Structures are given as structure tokens and as C-alpha cells.
N, C-alpha and C. Protein backbone atom coordinates (compact mmCIF):
# COMPACT_ATOMS: atom_id res chain seq x y z
N MET A 1 119.45 -28.19 1.98
CA MET A 1 118.14 -28.78 1.81
C MET A 1 118.18 -30.25 2.25
N ALA A 2 117.14 -30.67 2.91
CA ALA A 2 117.05 -32.04 3.41
C ALA A 2 116.88 -33.02 2.25
N LYS A 3 117.44 -34.21 2.44
CA LYS A 3 117.23 -35.30 1.48
C LYS A 3 116.01 -36.07 1.96
N ILE A 4 114.98 -36.13 1.12
CA ILE A 4 113.72 -36.75 1.49
C ILE A 4 113.39 -37.88 0.52
N THR A 5 113.07 -39.03 1.10
CA THR A 5 112.64 -40.19 0.31
C THR A 5 111.30 -40.66 0.86
N ILE A 6 110.34 -40.86 -0.04
CA ILE A 6 109.03 -41.37 0.34
C ILE A 6 108.87 -42.76 -0.25
N TYR A 7 108.56 -43.71 0.61
CA TYR A 7 108.23 -45.07 0.18
C TYR A 7 106.70 -45.14 0.18
N SER A 8 106.12 -45.48 -0.97
CA SER A 8 104.67 -45.39 -1.09
C SER A 8 104.12 -46.48 -2.00
N THR A 9 102.79 -46.49 -2.10
CA THR A 9 102.09 -47.32 -3.08
C THR A 9 101.09 -46.42 -3.81
N PRO A 10 100.71 -46.78 -5.03
CA PRO A 10 99.81 -45.93 -5.81
C PRO A 10 98.43 -45.72 -5.18
N SER A 11 97.93 -46.69 -4.44
CA SER A 11 96.58 -46.59 -3.89
C SER A 11 96.51 -45.97 -2.50
N CYS A 12 97.62 -45.56 -1.95
CA CYS A 12 97.67 -45.04 -0.58
C CYS A 12 97.30 -43.56 -0.54
N MET A 13 96.17 -43.24 0.11
CA MET A 13 95.75 -41.83 0.16
C MET A 13 96.67 -40.99 1.04
N TYR A 14 97.25 -41.59 2.09
CA TYR A 14 98.16 -40.83 2.94
C TYR A 14 99.48 -40.54 2.23
N CYS A 15 99.86 -41.43 1.34
CA CYS A 15 101.04 -41.19 0.50
C CYS A 15 100.80 -39.98 -0.39
N LYS A 16 99.60 -39.92 -0.99
CA LYS A 16 99.24 -38.80 -1.85
C LYS A 16 99.23 -37.51 -1.04
N MET A 17 98.72 -37.56 0.17
CA MET A 17 98.68 -36.36 1.02
C MET A 17 100.10 -35.89 1.35
N ALA A 18 100.99 -36.82 1.62
CA ALA A 18 102.37 -36.45 1.93
C ALA A 18 103.03 -35.80 0.72
N LYS A 19 102.84 -36.39 -0.45
CA LYS A 19 103.45 -35.83 -1.66
C LYS A 19 102.87 -34.46 -1.98
N GLU A 20 101.57 -34.28 -1.77
CA GLU A 20 100.95 -32.97 -1.97
C GLU A 20 101.52 -31.94 -1.00
N PHE A 21 101.75 -32.35 0.26
CA PHE A 21 102.35 -31.45 1.24
C PHE A 21 103.71 -30.97 0.77
N PHE A 22 104.56 -31.89 0.32
CA PHE A 22 105.89 -31.51 -0.14
C PHE A 22 105.81 -30.62 -1.38
N THR A 23 104.95 -30.96 -2.32
CA THR A 23 104.81 -30.17 -3.54
C THR A 23 104.31 -28.76 -3.21
N LYS A 24 103.29 -28.67 -2.36
CA LYS A 24 102.73 -27.37 -1.97
C LYS A 24 103.78 -26.48 -1.32
N ASN A 25 104.69 -27.09 -0.57
CA ASN A 25 105.72 -26.34 0.14
C ASN A 25 107.04 -26.26 -0.63
N ASN A 26 106.99 -26.64 -1.91
CA ASN A 26 108.18 -26.58 -2.79
C ASN A 26 109.38 -27.32 -2.20
N ILE A 27 109.11 -28.52 -1.69
CA ILE A 27 110.15 -29.35 -1.09
C ILE A 27 110.38 -30.55 -2.00
N ALA A 28 111.61 -30.68 -2.48
CA ALA A 28 111.95 -31.78 -3.38
C ALA A 28 112.03 -33.10 -2.61
N TYR A 29 111.63 -34.17 -3.27
CA TYR A 29 111.69 -35.50 -2.67
C TYR A 29 111.86 -36.53 -3.78
N SER A 30 112.35 -37.69 -3.38
CA SER A 30 112.36 -38.82 -4.31
C SER A 30 111.35 -39.83 -3.80
N GLU A 31 110.81 -40.61 -4.72
CA GLU A 31 109.75 -41.54 -4.37
C GLU A 31 110.09 -42.95 -4.84
N HIS A 32 109.74 -43.92 -4.02
CA HIS A 32 109.90 -45.32 -4.39
C HIS A 32 108.55 -46.01 -4.22
N ASP A 33 108.07 -46.62 -5.29
CA ASP A 33 106.82 -47.37 -5.27
C ASP A 33 107.13 -48.80 -4.82
N ILE A 34 106.82 -49.11 -3.58
CA ILE A 34 107.18 -50.43 -3.04
C ILE A 34 106.29 -51.55 -3.60
N ALA A 35 105.22 -51.18 -4.30
CA ALA A 35 104.36 -52.19 -4.92
C ALA A 35 105.07 -52.88 -6.08
N VAL A 36 106.04 -52.20 -6.70
CA VAL A 36 106.74 -52.76 -7.85
C VAL A 36 108.25 -52.86 -7.66
N ASP A 37 108.76 -52.22 -6.63
CA ASP A 37 110.21 -52.17 -6.41
C ASP A 37 110.57 -52.95 -5.14
N ASP A 38 110.93 -54.21 -5.32
CA ASP A 38 111.23 -55.08 -4.17
C ASP A 38 112.42 -54.58 -3.36
N ALA A 39 113.42 -54.04 -4.02
CA ALA A 39 114.60 -53.53 -3.31
C ALA A 39 114.22 -52.35 -2.43
N ALA A 40 113.36 -51.47 -2.94
CA ALA A 40 112.91 -50.32 -2.15
C ALA A 40 112.07 -50.79 -0.97
N ARG A 41 111.24 -51.83 -1.19
CA ARG A 41 110.43 -52.38 -0.10
C ARG A 41 111.33 -52.92 1.00
N ASP A 42 112.37 -53.64 0.63
CA ASP A 42 113.30 -54.19 1.61
C ASP A 42 114.04 -53.07 2.36
N GLU A 43 114.40 -52.02 1.63
CA GLU A 43 115.07 -50.86 2.24
C GLU A 43 114.13 -50.19 3.25
N MET A 44 112.86 -50.02 2.88
CA MET A 44 111.87 -49.42 3.76
C MET A 44 111.69 -50.26 5.02
N LEU A 45 111.61 -51.58 4.85
CA LEU A 45 111.47 -52.48 5.99
C LEU A 45 112.66 -52.37 6.94
N ALA A 46 113.85 -52.27 6.38
CA ALA A 46 115.05 -52.15 7.20
C ALA A 46 115.04 -50.84 7.99
N LYS A 47 114.52 -49.78 7.39
CA LYS A 47 114.49 -48.48 8.06
C LYS A 47 113.38 -48.37 9.10
N SER A 48 112.19 -48.90 8.77
CA SER A 48 111.02 -48.68 9.62
C SER A 48 110.56 -49.89 10.41
N GLY A 49 110.92 -51.10 9.93
CA GLY A 49 110.48 -52.31 10.60
C GLY A 49 109.03 -52.67 10.36
N GLN A 50 108.41 -52.05 9.35
CA GLN A 50 107.00 -52.37 9.08
C GLN A 50 106.66 -52.18 7.62
N MET A 51 105.47 -52.65 7.24
CA MET A 51 105.03 -52.58 5.85
C MET A 51 104.07 -51.42 5.58
N GLY A 52 103.65 -50.69 6.61
CA GLY A 52 102.72 -49.58 6.41
C GLY A 52 103.36 -48.45 5.62
N VAL A 53 102.58 -47.80 4.76
CA VAL A 53 103.08 -46.66 3.99
C VAL A 53 102.18 -45.45 4.26
N PRO A 54 102.67 -44.26 4.06
CA PRO A 54 104.01 -43.95 3.61
C PRO A 54 105.04 -44.07 4.73
N VAL A 55 106.25 -44.35 4.33
CA VAL A 55 107.41 -44.22 5.21
C VAL A 55 108.24 -43.11 4.58
N ILE A 56 108.52 -42.09 5.38
CA ILE A 56 109.24 -40.92 4.87
C ILE A 56 110.56 -40.81 5.60
N ASP A 57 111.64 -40.78 4.84
CA ASP A 57 112.99 -40.66 5.38
C ASP A 57 113.46 -39.22 5.11
N ILE A 58 113.62 -38.46 6.20
CA ILE A 58 114.08 -37.07 6.09
C ILE A 58 115.45 -37.00 6.73
N ASP A 59 116.48 -37.03 5.92
CA ASP A 59 117.86 -37.01 6.41
C ASP A 59 118.09 -38.05 7.52
N GLY A 60 117.53 -39.25 7.32
CA GLY A 60 117.73 -40.33 8.29
C GLY A 60 116.70 -40.39 9.41
N LYS A 61 115.85 -39.37 9.52
CA LYS A 61 114.74 -39.40 10.49
C LYS A 61 113.56 -40.05 9.80
N ILE A 62 113.03 -41.09 10.42
CA ILE A 62 111.95 -41.86 9.80
C ILE A 62 110.60 -41.43 10.37
N VAL A 63 109.70 -41.08 9.46
CA VAL A 63 108.32 -40.74 9.83
C VAL A 63 107.43 -41.77 9.16
N VAL A 64 106.62 -42.44 9.96
CA VAL A 64 105.70 -43.45 9.43
C VAL A 64 104.31 -42.83 9.37
N GLY A 65 103.71 -42.91 8.19
CA GLY A 65 102.40 -42.30 8.00
C GLY A 65 102.55 -40.83 7.65
N PHE A 66 101.42 -40.19 7.35
CA PHE A 66 101.46 -38.76 7.06
C PHE A 66 101.22 -38.02 8.37
N ASP A 67 102.29 -37.79 9.10
CA ASP A 67 102.27 -37.07 10.37
C ASP A 67 102.85 -35.68 10.12
N ARG A 68 101.97 -34.74 9.79
CA ARG A 68 102.40 -33.40 9.40
C ARG A 68 103.30 -32.76 10.46
N GLY A 69 102.95 -32.92 11.72
CA GLY A 69 103.76 -32.33 12.80
C GLY A 69 105.17 -32.90 12.84
N ALA A 70 105.28 -34.21 12.70
CA ALA A 70 106.61 -34.85 12.72
C ALA A 70 107.41 -34.46 11.49
N ILE A 71 106.74 -34.34 10.35
CA ILE A 71 107.43 -33.94 9.12
C ILE A 71 107.94 -32.51 9.25
N GLU A 72 107.08 -31.62 9.72
CA GLU A 72 107.48 -30.22 9.90
C GLU A 72 108.63 -30.10 10.89
N ALA A 73 108.58 -30.87 11.97
CA ALA A 73 109.64 -30.83 12.96
C ALA A 73 110.96 -31.34 12.37
N ALA A 74 110.88 -32.42 11.61
CA ALA A 74 112.10 -32.98 10.99
C ALA A 74 112.72 -32.02 9.98
N LEU A 75 111.86 -31.19 9.37
CA LEU A 75 112.34 -30.23 8.39
C LEU A 75 112.69 -28.87 9.00
N GLY A 76 112.47 -28.74 10.32
CA GLY A 76 112.75 -27.47 10.98
C GLY A 76 111.75 -26.38 10.64
N MET A 77 110.54 -26.77 10.28
CA MET A 77 109.50 -25.79 9.91
C MET A 77 108.75 -25.25 11.13
N LYS A 78 108.89 -25.91 12.26
CA LYS A 78 108.18 -25.52 13.49
C LYS A 78 109.05 -24.69 14.36
């Protein structure tokens, strides 16, 4: 199973969509709220080079935003 980390904020609708996608597909993930976790924010910046959320790390493959096609491809669902 892939290791998935989502960097998000509570008010981000695309973050919610990404989490709903993983939940609907029974895919486990860990989440970091960058609004309150400065270390996670710095980690996200180092991985993606930007402040936009969500940033999704799927076994080292970085997907910025809720890009269903890129997420499915990274998970081998396509």
C-alpha cells in the first residue's frame, strides 16, 4: 500500500475533496494541517516549492491540488 500524506488547511475545499476521494476508495492517508503546524508547512514547501494546498505526497510523487487523474496514476488505479 502506498504511503500518502496530505498537506492541507481546514478551509480548503480541494483538500476536502481529496480526503473524500481517499476515504471513498478506502485508501489510508495521513494529514498535516499547515495552518497550525509550521514544521509540516516547511516540509510541504521543501517538497512542492509552493504554498498552495492540497499538496499530496504519494510514495514521493508530489501532486499539487486535487488532480484526480494524477492521483489515480500515482496509485496505479488507471
